[in-house]
Amino acid sequence: MPVTVGGGHRFMAVYSGGSTSCGLEKDGAAYCWGSHTDGEVGTEPAGSTVRYDLPVAVSGGLRFTELAAGESSYCGITITEAVACWGQGTSGQLGSGHEDSSRPIMVPGL
């Protein structure tokens, strides 16, 4: 049965991947909720016992035109057409080596 997401946000799009979901507001602000084991909510701190039941703002103040969800990571196209990713990066999915990041990091070379 569908349940209303708390927090009073009005999302124009919602993205889900693994155990985390993110919403994109009309002004490009991204908010995420759910499991934060690998930093996939996009805020400090990350850790195996951290879970957010309500949407929290993705760190860094970036504005996005679109997001994409992976199993434990997210990437977004910013309003300046750059790409930023956060979450699990141990297999290189953040485009910056092989480390997790609980804050959006810019993908080099794009």
PDB file of N, CA and C in Angstrom:
ATOM      1  N   MET A   1       0.830  -1.166   0.000  1.00  0.00           N
ATOM      2  CA  MET A   1       0.000   0.000   0.000  1.00  0.00           C
ATOM      3  C   MET A   1       0.889   1.250   0.000  1.00  0.00           C
ATOM      4  N   PRO A   2       0.657   2.193  -0.885  1.00  0.00           N
ATOM      5  CA  PRO A   2       1.463   3.419  -0.930  1.00  0.00           C
ATOM      6  C   PRO A   2       1.372   4.210   0.372  1.00  0.00           C
ATOM      7  N   VAL A   3       2.488   4.827   0.740  1.00  0.00           N
ATOM      8  CA  VAL A   3       2.558   5.654   1.937  1.00  0.00           C
ATOM      9  C   VAL A   3       3.115   7.016   1.523  1.00  0.00           C
ATOM     10  N   THR A   4       2.532   8.082   2.052  1.00  0.00           N
ATOM     11  CA  THR A   4       3.014   9.431   1.759  1.00  0.00           C
ATOM     12  C   THR A   4       4.380   9.637   2.394  1.00  0.00           C
ATOM     13  N   VAL A   5       5.323  10.190   1.627  1.00  0.00           N
ATOM     14  CA  VAL A   5       6.642  10.520   2.152  1.00  0.00           C
ATOM     15  C   VAL A   5       6.500  11.779   2.990  1.00  0.00           C
ATOM     16  N   GLY A   6       6.982  11.735   4.221  1.00  0.00           N
ATOM     17  CA  GLY A   6       6.879  12.871   5.125  1.00  0.00           C
ATOM     18  C   GLY A   6       7.842  13.987   4.756  1.00  0.00           C
ATOM     19  N   GLY A   7       7.726  15.090   5.442  1.00  0.00           N
ATOM     20  CA  GLY A   7       8.646  16.200   5.261  1.00  0.00           C
ATOM     21  C   GLY A   7       8.082  17.374   4.488  1.00  0.00           C
ATOM     22  N   GLY A   8       6.931  17.217   3.868  1.00  0.00           N
ATOM     23  CA  GLY A   8       6.279  18.329   3.193  1.00  0.00           C
ATOM     24  C   GLY A   8       6.891  18.768   1.876  1.00  0.00           C
ATOM     25  N   HIS A   9       7.726  17.957   1.274  1.00  0.00           N
ATOM     26  CA  HIS A   9       8.347  18.319  -0.007  1.00  0.00           C
ATOM     27  C   HIS A   9       7.395  18.067  -1.168  1.00  0.00           C
ATOM     28  N   ARG A  10       7.607  18.805  -2.257  1.00  0.00           N
ATOM     29  CA  ARG A  10       6.828  18.611  -3.485  1.00  0.00           C
ATOM     30  C   ARG A  10       7.828  18.265  -4.584  1.00  0.00           C
ATOM     31  N   PHE A  11       8.009  16.975  -4.800  1.00  0.00           N
ATOM     32  CA  PHE A  11       8.986  16.499  -5.771  1.00  0.00           C
ATOM     33  C   PHE A  11       8.405  16.441  -7.167  1.00  0.00           C
ATOM     34  N   MET A  12       9.205  16.855  -8.158  1.00  0.00           N
ATOM     35  CA  MET A  12       8.776  16.732  -9.553  1.00  0.00           C
ATOM     36  C   MET A  12       9.197  15.386 -10.124  1.00  0.00           C
ATOM     37  N   ALA A  13      10.146  14.703  -9.452  1.00  0.00           N
ATOM     38  CA  ALA A  13      10.585  13.369  -9.867  1.00  0.00           C
ATOM     39  C   ALA A  13      11.132  12.646  -8.649  1.00  0.00           C
ATOM     40  N   VAL A  14      10.984  11.321  -8.637  1.00  0.00           N
ATOM     41  CA  VAL A  14      11.498  10.470  -7.566  1.00  0.00           C
ATOM     42  C   VAL A  14      12.298   9.342  -8.199  1.00  0.00           C
ATOM     43  N   TYR A  15      13.430   9.018  -7.579  1.00  0.00           N
ATOM     44  CA  TYR A  15      14.338   7.986  -8.082  1.00  0.00           C
ATOM     45  C   TYR A  15      14.604   7.002  -6.952  1.00  0.00           C
ATOM     46  N   SER A  16      14.558   5.713  -7.239  1.00  0.00           N
ATOM     47  CA  SER A  16      14.812   4.700  -6.225  1.00  0.00           C
ATOM     48  C   SER A  16      15.868   3.732  -6.707  1.00  0.00           C
ATOM     49  N   GLY A  17      16.757   3.378  -5.788  1.00  0.00           N
ATOM     50  CA  GLY A  17      17.783   2.399  -6.082  1.00  0.00           C
ATOM     51  C   GLY A  17      18.158   1.680  -4.801  1.00  0.00           C
ATOM     52  N   GLY A  18      18.188   0.372  -4.822  1.00  0.00           N
ATOM     53  CA  GLY A  18      18.539  -0.376  -3.616  1.00  0.00           C
ATOM     54  C   GLY A  18      17.589  -0.055  -2.483  1.00  0.00           C
ATOM     55  N   SER A  19      18.149   0.440  -1.374  1.00  0.00           N
ATOM     56  CA  SER A  19      17.367   0.737  -0.172  1.00  0.00           C
ATOM     57  C   SER A  19      17.207   2.230   0.077  1.00  0.00           C
ATOM     58  N   THR A  20      17.422   3.039  -0.965  1.00  0.00           N
ATOM     59  CA  THR A  20      17.370   4.487  -0.818  1.00  0.00           C
ATOM     60  C   THR A  20      16.538   5.096  -1.942  1.00  0.00           C
ATOM     61  N   SER A  21      15.865   6.191  -1.640  1.00  0.00           N
ATOM     62  CA  SER A  21      15.122   6.938  -2.652  1.00  0.00           C
ATOM     63  C   SER A  21      15.521   8.398  -2.572  1.00  0.00           C
ATOM     64  N   CYS A  22      15.431   9.103  -3.693  1.00  0.00           N
ATOM     65  CA  CYS A  22      15.726  10.530  -3.745  1.00  0.00           C
ATOM     66  C   CYS A  22      14.620  11.232  -4.519  1.00  0.00           C
ATOM     67  N   GLY A  23      14.353  12.455  -4.134  1.00  0.00           N
ATOM     68  CA  GLY A  23      13.386  13.279  -4.835  1.00  0.00           C
ATOM     69  C   GLY A  23      14.047  14.550  -5.311  1.00  0.00           C
ATOM     70  N   LEU A  24      13.581  15.052  -6.433  1.00  0.00           N
ATOM     71  CA  LEU A  24      14.115  16.269  -7.027  1.00  0.00           C
ATOM     72  C   LEU A  24      13.006  17.318  -7.029  1.00  0.00           C
ATOM     73  N   GLU A  25      13.268  18.438  -6.347  1.00  0.00           N
ATOM     74  CA  GLU A  25      12.296  19.519  -6.316  1.00  0.00           C
ATOM     75  C   GLU A  25      12.406  20.373  -7.577  1.00  0.00           C
ATOM     76  N   LYS A  26      11.400  21.191  -7.817  1.00  0.00           N
ATOM     77  CA  LYS A  26      11.347  22.028  -9.016  1.00  0.00           C
ATOM     78  C   LYS A  26      12.562  22.942  -9.152  1.00  0.00           C
ATOM     79  N   ASP A  27      13.121  23.413  -8.028  1.00  0.00           N
ATOM     80  CA  ASP A  27      14.291  24.299  -8.070  1.00  0.00           C
ATOM     81  C   ASP A  27      15.611  23.541  -8.236  1.00  0.00           C
ATOM     82  N   GLY A  28      15.548  22.208  -8.350  1.00  0.00           N
ATOM     83  CA  GLY A  28      16.740  21.398  -8.562  1.00  0.00           C
ATOM     84  C   GLY A  28      17.373  20.846  -7.298  1.00  0.00           C
ATOM     85  N   ALA A  29      16.813  21.180  -6.143  1.00  0.00           N
ATOM     86  CA  ALA A  29      17.335  20.643  -4.886  1.00  0.00           C
ATOM     87  C   ALA A  29      17.016  19.156  -4.787  1.00  0.00           C
ATOM     88  N   ALA A  30      18.004  18.366  -4.346  1.00  0.00           N
ATOM     89  CA  ALA A  30      17.820  16.923  -4.204  1.00  0.00           C
ATOM     90  C   ALA A  30      17.722  16.562  -2.725  1.00  0.00           C
ATOM     91  N   TYR A  31      16.792  15.682  -2.407  1.00  0.00           N
ATOM     92  CA  TYR A  31      16.590  15.173  -1.059  1.00  0.00           C
ATOM     93  C   TYR A  31      16.521  13.660  -1.139  1.00  0.00           C
ATOM     94  N   CYS A  32      17.155  12.972  -0.178  1.00  0.00           N
ATOM     95  CA  CYS A  32      17.150  11.510  -0.180  1.00  0.00           C
ATOM     96  C   CYS A  32      16.759  10.972   1.189  1.00  0.00           C
ATOM     97  N   TRP A  33      16.329   9.714   1.216  1.00  0.00           N
ATOM     98  CA  TRP A  33      15.943   9.037   2.443  1.00  0.00           C
ATOM     99  C   TRP A  33      16.134   7.545   2.265  1.00  0.00           C
ATOM    100  N   GLY A  34      16.262   6.848   3.396  1.00  0.00           N
ATOM    101  CA  GLY A  34      16.463   5.402   3.383  1.00  0.00           C
ATOM    102  C   GLY A  34      17.808   5.028   3.966  1.00  0.00           C
ATOM    103  N   SER A  35      18.340   3.901   3.517  1.00  0.00           N
ATOM    104  CA  SER A  35      19.619   3.397   4.008  1.00  0.00           C
ATOM    105  C   SER A  35      20.753   4.328   3.610  1.00  0.00           C
ATOM    106  N   HIS A  36      21.676   4.517   4.538  1.00  0.00           N
ATOM    107  CA  HIS A  36      22.823   5.397   4.303  1.00  0.00           C
ATOM    108  C   HIS A  36      24.137   4.650   4.564  1.00  0.00           C
ATOM    109  N   THR A  37      24.107   3.336   4.422  1.00  0.00           N
ATOM    110  CA  THR A  37      25.255   2.486   4.708  1.00  0.00           C
ATOM    111  C   THR A  37      26.495   2.922   3.952  1.00  0.00           C
ATOM    112  N   ASP A  38      26.370   3.243   2.676  1.00  0.00           N
ATOM    113  CA  ASP A  38      27.504   3.596   1.823  1.00  0.00           C
ATOM    114  C   ASP A  38      27.505   5.068   1.431  1.00  0.00           C
ATOM    115  N   GLY A  39      26.716   5.884   2.115  1.00  0.00           N
ATOM    116  CA  GLY A  39      26.664   7.311   1.812  1.00  0.00           C
ATOM    117  C   GLY A  39      25.627   7.686   0.773  1.00  0.00           C
ATOM    118  N   GLU A  40      24.729   6.762   0.432  1.00  0.00           N
ATOM    119  CA  GLU A  40      23.799   6.998  -0.667  1.00  0.00           C
ATOM    120  C   GLU A  40      22.719   8.044  -0.401  1.00  0.00           C
ATOM    121  N   VAL A  41      22.525   8.478   0.846  1.00  0.00           N
ATOM    122  CA  VAL A  41      21.595   9.577   1.108  1.00  0.00           C
ATOM    123  C   VAL A  41      22.256  10.913   0.769  1.00  0.00           C
ATOM    124  N   GLY A  42      23.580  10.942   0.766  1.00  0.00           N
ATOM    125  CA  GLY A  42      24.284  12.146   0.334  1.00  0.00           C
ATOM    126  C   GLY A  42      24.529  13.180   1.409  1.00  0.00           C
ATOM    127  N   THR A  43      24.616  12.744   2.661  1.00  0.00           N
ATOM    128  CA  THR A  43      24.882  13.653   3.766  1.00  0.00           C
ATOM    129  C   THR A  43      25.773  12.961   4.787  1.00  0.00           C
ATOM    130  N   GLU A  44      26.427  13.734   5.636  1.00  0.00           N
ATOM    131  CA  GLU A  44      27.288  13.172   6.691  1.00  0.00           C
ATOM    132  C   GLU A  44      26.437  12.833   7.906  1.00  0.00           C
ATOM    133  N   PRO A  45      26.794  11.864   8.702  1.00  0.00           N
ATOM    134  CA  PRO A  45      27.795  10.837   8.443  1.00  0.00           C
ATOM    135  C   PRO A  45      27.177   9.652   7.730  1.00  0.00           C
ATOM    136  N   ALA A  46      27.990   8.830   7.105  1.00  0.00           N
ATOM    137  CA  ALA A  46      27.537   7.563   6.540  1.00  0.00           C
ATOM    138  C   ALA A  46      27.893   6.468   7.534  1.00  0.00           C
ATOM    139  N   GLY A  47      27.190   5.380   7.474  1.00  0.00           N
ATOM    140  CA  GLY A  47      27.513   4.264   8.354  1.00  0.00           C
ATOM    141  C   GLY A  47      26.436   3.219   8.358  1.00  0.00           C
ATOM    142  N   SER A  48      26.788   2.042   8.793  1.00  0.00           N
ATOM    143  CA  SER A  48      25.894   0.896   8.698  1.00  0.00           C
ATOM    144  C   SER A  48      24.652   1.024   9.567  1.00  0.00           C
ATOM    145  N   THR A  49      24.672   1.861  10.583  1.00  0.00           N
ATOM    146  CA  THR A  49      23.505   1.989  11.455  1.00  0.00           C
ATOM    147  C   THR A  49      22.676   3.232  11.140  1.00  0.00           C
ATOM    148  N   VAL A  50      23.054   3.971  10.111  1.00  0.00           N
ATOM    149  CA  VAL A  50      22.359   5.217   9.801  1.00  0.00           C
ATOM    150  C   VAL A  50      21.256   4.961   8.782  1.00  0.00           C
ATOM    151  N   ARG A  51      20.051   5.409   9.101  1.00  0.00           N
ATOM    152  CA  ARG A  51      18.930   5.333   8.170  1.00  0.00           C
ATOM    153  C   ARG A  51      18.084   6.579   8.376  1.00  0.00           C
ATOM    154  N   TYR A  52      17.666   7.177   7.283  1.00  0.00           N
ATOM    155  CA  TYR A  52      16.841   8.382   7.354  1.00  0.00           C
ATOM    156  C   TYR A  52      15.423   8.035   6.913  1.00  0.00           C
ATOM    157  N   ASP A  53      14.468   8.274   7.815  1.00  0.00           N
ATOM    158  CA  ASP A  53      13.065   7.976   7.514  1.00  0.00           C
ATOM    159  C   ASP A  53      12.387   9.120   6.775  1.00  0.00           C
ATOM    160  N   LEU A  54      12.951  10.325   6.868  1.00  0.00           N
ATOM    161  CA  LEU A  54      12.415  11.498   6.176  1.00  0.00           C
ATOM    162  C   LEU A  54      13.467  12.025   5.213  1.00  0.00           C
ATOM    163  N   PRO A  55      13.058  12.690   4.138  1.00  0.00           N
ATOM    164  CA  PRO A  55      14.026  13.251   3.189  1.00  0.00           C
ATOM    165  C   PRO A  55      14.953  14.259   3.855  1.00  0.00           C
ATOM    166  N   VAL A  56      16.248  14.163   3.532  1.00  0.00           N
ATOM    167  CA  VAL A  56      17.239  15.137   3.980  1.00  0.00           C
ATOM    168  C   VAL A  56      17.930  15.707   2.746  1.00  0.00           C
ATOM    169  N   ALA A  57      18.338  16.956   2.833  1.00  0.00           N
ATOM    170  CA  ALA A  57      18.997  17.611   1.697  1.00  0.00           C
ATOM    171  C   ALA A  57      20.333  16.947   1.399  1.00  0.00           C
ATOM    172  N   VAL A  58      20.590  16.717   0.129  1.00  0.00           N
ATOM    173  CA  VAL A  58      21.883  16.209  -0.300  1.00  0.00           C
ATOM    174  C   VAL A  58      22.904  17.319  -0.064  1.00  0.00           C
ATOM    175  N   SER A  59      24.042  16.978   0.540  1.00  0.00           N
ATOM    176  CA  SER A  59      25.084  17.954   0.889  1.00  0.00           C
ATOM    177  C   SER A  59      25.630  18.678  -0.330  1.00  0.00           C
ATOM    178  N   GLY A  60      26.138  19.858  -0.098  1.00  0.00           N
ATOM    179  CA  GLY A  60      26.857  20.593  -1.125  1.00  0.00           C
ATOM    180  C   GLY A  60      26.082  21.691  -1.816  1.00  0.00           C
ATOM    181  N   GLY A  61      24.771  21.745  -1.646  1.00  0.00           N
ATOM    182  CA  GLY A  61      23.984  22.813  -2.232  1.00  0.00           C
ATOM    183  C   GLY A  61      23.874  22.793  -3.747  1.00  0.00           C
ATOM    184  N   LEU A  62      24.232  21.681  -4.384  1.00  0.00           N
ATOM    185  CA  LEU A  62      24.129  21.595  -5.844  1.00  0.00           C
ATOM    186  C   LEU A  62      22.664  21.539  -6.270  1.00  0.00           C
ATOM    187  N   ARG A  63      22.394  22.011  -7.456  1.00  0.00           N
ATOM    188  CA  ARG A  63      21.059  21.916  -8.063  1.00  0.00           C
ATOM    189  C   ARG A  63      21.175  21.011  -9.274  1.00  0.00           C
ATOM    190  N   PHE A  64      20.188  20.160  -9.452  1.00  0.00           N
ATOM    191  CA  PHE A  64      20.223  19.140 -10.499  1.00  0.00           C
ATOM    192  C   PHE A  64      19.050  19.279 -11.463  1.00  0.00           C
ATOM    193  N   THR A  65      19.262  18.844 -12.682  1.00  0.00           N
ATOM    194  CA  THR A  65      18.176  18.756 -13.652  1.00  0.00           C
ATOM    195  C   THR A  65      17.658  17.328 -13.742  1.00  0.00           C
ATOM    196  N   GLU A  66      18.488  16.369 -13.299  1.00  0.00           N
ATOM    197  CA  GLU A  66      18.120  14.959 -13.380  1.00  0.00           C
ATOM    198  C   GLU A  66      19.010  14.157 -12.444  1.00  0.00           C
ATOM    199  N   LEU A  67      18.465  13.059 -11.921  1.00  0.00           N
ATOM    200  CA  LEU A  67      19.229  12.123 -11.107  1.00  0.00           C
ATOM    201  C   LEU A  67      19.129  10.735 -11.720  1.00  0.00           C
ATOM    202  N   ALA A  68      20.078   9.887 -11.364  1.00  0.00           N
ATOM    203  CA  ALA A  68      20.032   8.475 -11.765  1.00  0.00           C
ATOM    204  C   ALA A  68      20.409   7.643 -10.552  1.00  0.00           C
ATOM    205  N   ALA A  69      19.672   6.557 -10.323  1.00  0.00           N
ATOM    206  CA  ALA A  69      19.884   5.713  -9.158  1.00  0.00           C
ATOM    207  C   ALA A  69      20.590   4.430  -9.536  1.00  0.00           C
ATOM    208  N   GLY A  70      21.571   4.059  -8.718  1.00  0.00           N
ATOM    209  CA  GLY A  70      22.209   2.758  -8.817  1.00  0.00           C
ATOM    210  C   GLY A  70      21.795   1.929  -7.622  1.00  0.00           C
ATOM    211  N   GLU A  71      22.428   0.797  -7.410  1.00  0.00           N
ATOM    212  CA  GLU A  71      22.109  -0.059  -6.268  1.00  0.00           C
ATOM    213  C   GLU A  71      22.384   0.665  -4.948  1.00  0.00           C
ATOM    214  N   SER A  72      23.535   1.308  -4.824  1.00  0.00           N
ATOM    215  CA  SER A  72      23.889   2.017  -3.592  1.00  0.00           C
ATOM    216  C   SER A  72      24.572   3.349  -3.890  1.00  0.00           C
ATOM    217  N   SER A  73      24.267   3.929  -5.035  1.00  0.00           N
ATOM    218  CA  SER A  73      24.864   5.214  -5.396  1.00  0.00           C
ATOM    219  C   SER A  73      23.892   6.002  -6.270  1.00  0.00           C
ATOM    220  N   TYR A  74      24.131   7.314  -6.316  1.00  0.00           N
ATOM    221  CA  TYR A  74      23.336   8.211  -7.150  1.00  0.00           C
ATOM    222  C   TYR A  74      24.269   9.128  -7.912  1.00  0.00           C
ATOM    223  N   CYS A  75      23.857   9.528  -9.086  1.00  0.00           N
ATOM    224  CA  CYS A  75      24.552  10.549  -9.863  1.00  0.00           C
ATOM    225  C   CYS A  75      23.501  11.533 -10.357  1.00  0.00           C
ATOM    226  N   GLY A  76      23.944  12.751 -10.585  1.00  0.00           N
ATOM    227  CA  GLY A  76      23.028  13.753 -11.087  1.00  0.00           C
ATOM    228  C   GLY A  76      23.709  14.694 -12.052  1.00  0.00           C
ATOM    229  N   ILE A  77      22.928  15.210 -12.984  1.00  0.00           N
ATOM    230  CA  ILE A  77      23.399  16.253 -13.892  1.00  0.00           C
ATOM    231  C   ILE A  77      23.018  17.574 -13.238  1.00  0.00           C
ATOM    232  N   THR A  78      24.027  18.408 -12.993  1.00  0.00           N
ATOM    233  CA  THR A  78      23.769  19.687 -12.329  1.00  0.00           C
ATOM    234  C   THR A  78      23.219  20.690 -13.342  1.00  0.00           C
ATOM    235  N   ILE A  79      22.711  21.808 -12.826  1.00  0.00           N
ATOM    236  CA  ILE A  79      22.175  22.836 -13.718  1.00  0.00           C
ATOM    237  C   ILE A  79      23.264  23.473 -14.571  1.00  0.00           C
ATOM    238  N   THR A  80      24.544  23.254 -14.206  1.00  0.00           N
ATOM    239  CA  THR A  80      25.669  23.744 -15.019  1.00  0.00           C
ATOM    240  C   THR A  80      26.190  22.649 -15.949  1.00  0.00           C
ATOM    241  N   GLU A  81      25.443  21.553 -16.064  1.00  0.00           N
ATOM    242  CA  GLU A  81      25.737  20.411 -16.934  1.00  0.00           C
ATOM    243  C   GLU A  81      26.968  19.620 -16.514  1.00  0.00           C
ATOM    244  N   ALA A  82      27.372  19.735 -15.259  1.00  0.00           N
ATOM    245  CA  ALA A  82      28.412  18.877 -14.699  1.00  0.00           C
ATOM    246  C   ALA A  82      27.735  17.623 -14.140  1.00  0.00           C
ATOM    247  N   VAL A  83      28.526  16.611 -13.833  1.00  0.00           N
ATOM    248  CA  VAL A  83      27.993  15.382 -13.243  1.00  0.00           C
ATOM    249  C   VAL A  83      28.600  15.216 -11.856  1.00  0.00           C
ATOM    250  N   ALA A  84      27.751  14.980 -10.883  1.00  0.00           N
ATOM    251  CA  ALA A  84      28.188  14.740  -9.510  1.00  0.00           C
ATOM    252  C   ALA A  84      27.566  13.433  -9.031  1.00  0.00           C
ATOM    253  N   CYS A  85      28.347  12.642  -8.270  1.00  0.00           N
ATOM    254  CA  CYS A  85      27.876  11.349  -7.774  1.00  0.00           C
ATOM    255  C   CYS A  85      28.178  11.208  -6.292  1.00  0.00           C
ATOM    256  N   TRP A  86      27.415  10.353  -5.617  1.00  0.00           N
ATOM    257  CA  TRP A  86      27.640  10.058  -4.213  1.00  0.00           C
ATOM    258  C   TRP A  86      27.144   8.657  -3.905  1.00  0.00           C
ATOM    259  N   GLY A  87      27.630   8.109  -2.779  1.00  0.00           N
ATOM    260  CA  GLY A  87      27.250   6.768  -2.349  1.00  0.00           C
ATOM    261  C   GLY A  87      28.408   5.799  -2.470  1.00  0.00           C
ATOM    262  N   GLN A  88      28.072   4.553  -2.779  1.00  0.00           N
ATOM    263  CA  GLN A  88      29.098   3.521  -2.876  1.00  0.00           C
ATOM    264  C   GLN A  88      29.947   3.729  -4.120  1.00  0.00           C
ATOM    265  N   GLY A  89      31.268   3.713  -3.921  1.00  0.00           N
ATOM    266  CA  GLY A  89      32.181   3.917  -5.037  1.00  0.00           C
ATOM    267  C   GLY A  89      33.274   2.874  -5.110  1.00  0.00           C
ATOM    268  N   THR A  90      33.130   1.785  -4.362  1.00  0.00           N
ATOM    269  CA  THR A  90      34.191   0.786  -4.282  1.00  0.00           C
ATOM    270  C   THR A  90      34.479   0.085  -5.601  1.00  0.00           C
ATOM    271  N   SER A  91      33.585   0.179  -6.550  1.00  0.00           N
ATOM    272  CA  SER A  91      33.828  -0.407  -7.879  1.00  0.00           C
ATOM    273  C   SER A  91      34.022   0.672  -8.937  1.00  0.00           C
ATOM    274  N   GLY A  92      34.279   1.897  -8.496  1.00  0.00           N
ATOM    275  CA  GLY A  92      34.520   2.996  -9.421  1.00  0.00           C
ATOM    276  C   GLY A  92      33.281   3.697  -9.929  1.00  0.00           C
ATOM    277  N   GLN A  93      32.100   3.392  -9.381  1.00  0.00           N
ATOM    278  CA  GLN A  93      30.859   3.944  -9.919  1.00  0.00           C
ATOM    279  C   GLN A  93      30.677   5.441  -9.692  1.00  0.00           C
ATOM    280  N   LEU A  94      31.512   6.068  -8.864  1.00  0.00           N
ATOM    281  CA  LEU A  94      31.430   7.522  -8.671  1.00  0.00           C
ATOM    282  C   LEU A  94      32.342   8.276  -9.631  1.00  0.00           C
ATOM    283  N   GLY A  95      33.159   7.542 -10.381  1.00  0.00           N
ATOM    284  CA  GLY A  95      34.034   8.166 -11.366  1.00  0.00           C
ATOM    285  C   GLY A  95      35.241   8.859 -10.774  1.00  0.00           C
ATOM    286  N   SER A  96      35.611   8.478  -9.551  1.00  0.00           N
ATOM    287  CA  SER A  96      36.729   9.167  -8.896  1.00  0.00           C
ATOM    288  C   SER A  96      37.599   8.204  -8.093  1.00  0.00           C
ATOM    289  N   GLY A  97      37.786   7.030  -8.575  1.00  0.00           N
ATOM    290  CA  GLY A  97      38.570   6.048  -7.831  1.00  0.00           C
ATOM    291  C   GLY A  97      37.666   4.978  -7.267  1.00  0.00           C
ATOM    292  N   HIS A  98      38.042   4.457  -6.114  1.00  0.00           N
ATOM    293  CA  HIS A  98      37.321   3.316  -5.545  1.00  0.00           C
ATOM    294  C   HIS A  98      36.980   3.537  -4.073  1.00  0.00           C
ATOM    295  N   GLU A  99      36.384   4.692  -3.769  1.00  0.00           N
ATOM    296  CA  GLU A  99      36.004   5.024  -2.401  1.00  0.00           C
ATOM    297  C   GLU A  99      34.556   5.482  -2.355  1.00  0.00           C
ATOM    298  N   ASP A 100      33.885   5.198  -1.236  1.00  0.00           N
ATOM    299  CA  ASP A 100      32.532   5.705  -1.020  1.00  0.00           C
ATOM    300  C   ASP A 100      32.590   7.196  -0.717  1.00  0.00           C
ATOM    301  N   SER A 101      31.504   7.905  -0.981  1.00  0.00           N
ATOM    302  CA  SER A 101      31.410   9.313  -0.618  1.00  0.00           C
ATOM    303  C   SER A 101      29.989   9.629  -0.175  1.00  0.00           C
ATOM    304  N   SER A 102      29.871  10.203   1.014  1.00  0.00           N
ATOM    305  CA  SER A 102      28.545  10.595   1.495  1.00  0.00           C
ATOM    306  C   SER A 102      28.211  12.027   1.091  1.00  0.00           C
ATOM    307  N   ARG A 103      29.068  12.636   0.284  1.00  0.00           N
ATOM    308  CA  ARG A 103      28.823  13.964  -0.289  1.00  0.00           C
ATOM    309  C   ARG A 103      28.972  13.871  -1.794  1.00  0.00           C
ATOM    310  N   PRO A 104      28.201  14.617  -2.568  1.00  0.00           N
ATOM    311  CA  PRO A 104      28.375  14.590  -4.012  1.00  0.00           C
ATOM    312  C   PRO A 104      29.782  15.043  -4.398  1.00  0.00           C
ATOM    313  N   ILE A 105      30.402  14.293  -5.294  1.00  0.00           N
ATOM    314  CA  ILE A 105      31.706  14.670  -5.817  1.00  0.00           C
ATOM    315  C   ILE A 105      31.589  14.789  -7.328  1.00  0.00           C
ATOM    316  N   MET A 106      32.293  15.756  -7.876  1.00  0.00           N
ATOM    317  CA  MET A 106      32.219  15.990  -9.313  1.00  0.00           C
ATOM    318  C   MET A 106      32.978  14.893 -10.048  1.00  0.00           C
ATOM    319  N   VAL A 107      32.398  14.401 -11.123  1.00  0.00           N
ATOM    320  CA  VAL A 107      33.065  13.398 -11.953  1.00  0.00           C
ATOM    321  C   VAL A 107      34.049  14.132 -12.849  1.00  0.00           C
ATOM    322  N   PRO A 108      35.348  13.816 -12.717  1.00  0.00           N
ATOM    323  CA  PRO A 108      36.344  14.541 -13.516  1.00  0.00           C
ATOM    324  C   PRO A 108      36.224  14.233 -14.999  1.00  0.00           C
ATOM    325  N   GLY A 109      36.557  15.220 -15.800  1.00  0.00           N
ATOM    326  CA  GLY A 109      36.608  15.032 -17.252  1.00  0.00           C
ATOM    327  C   GLY A 109      35.285  15.139 -17.969  1.00  0.00           C
ATOM    328  N   LEU A 110      34.209  15.460 -17.250  1.00  0.00           N
ATOM    329  CA  LEU A 110      32.897  15.579 -17.911  1.00  0.00           C
ATOM    330  C   LEU A 110      32.431  17.014 -17.898  1.00  0.00           C
TER     331      LEU A 110
END
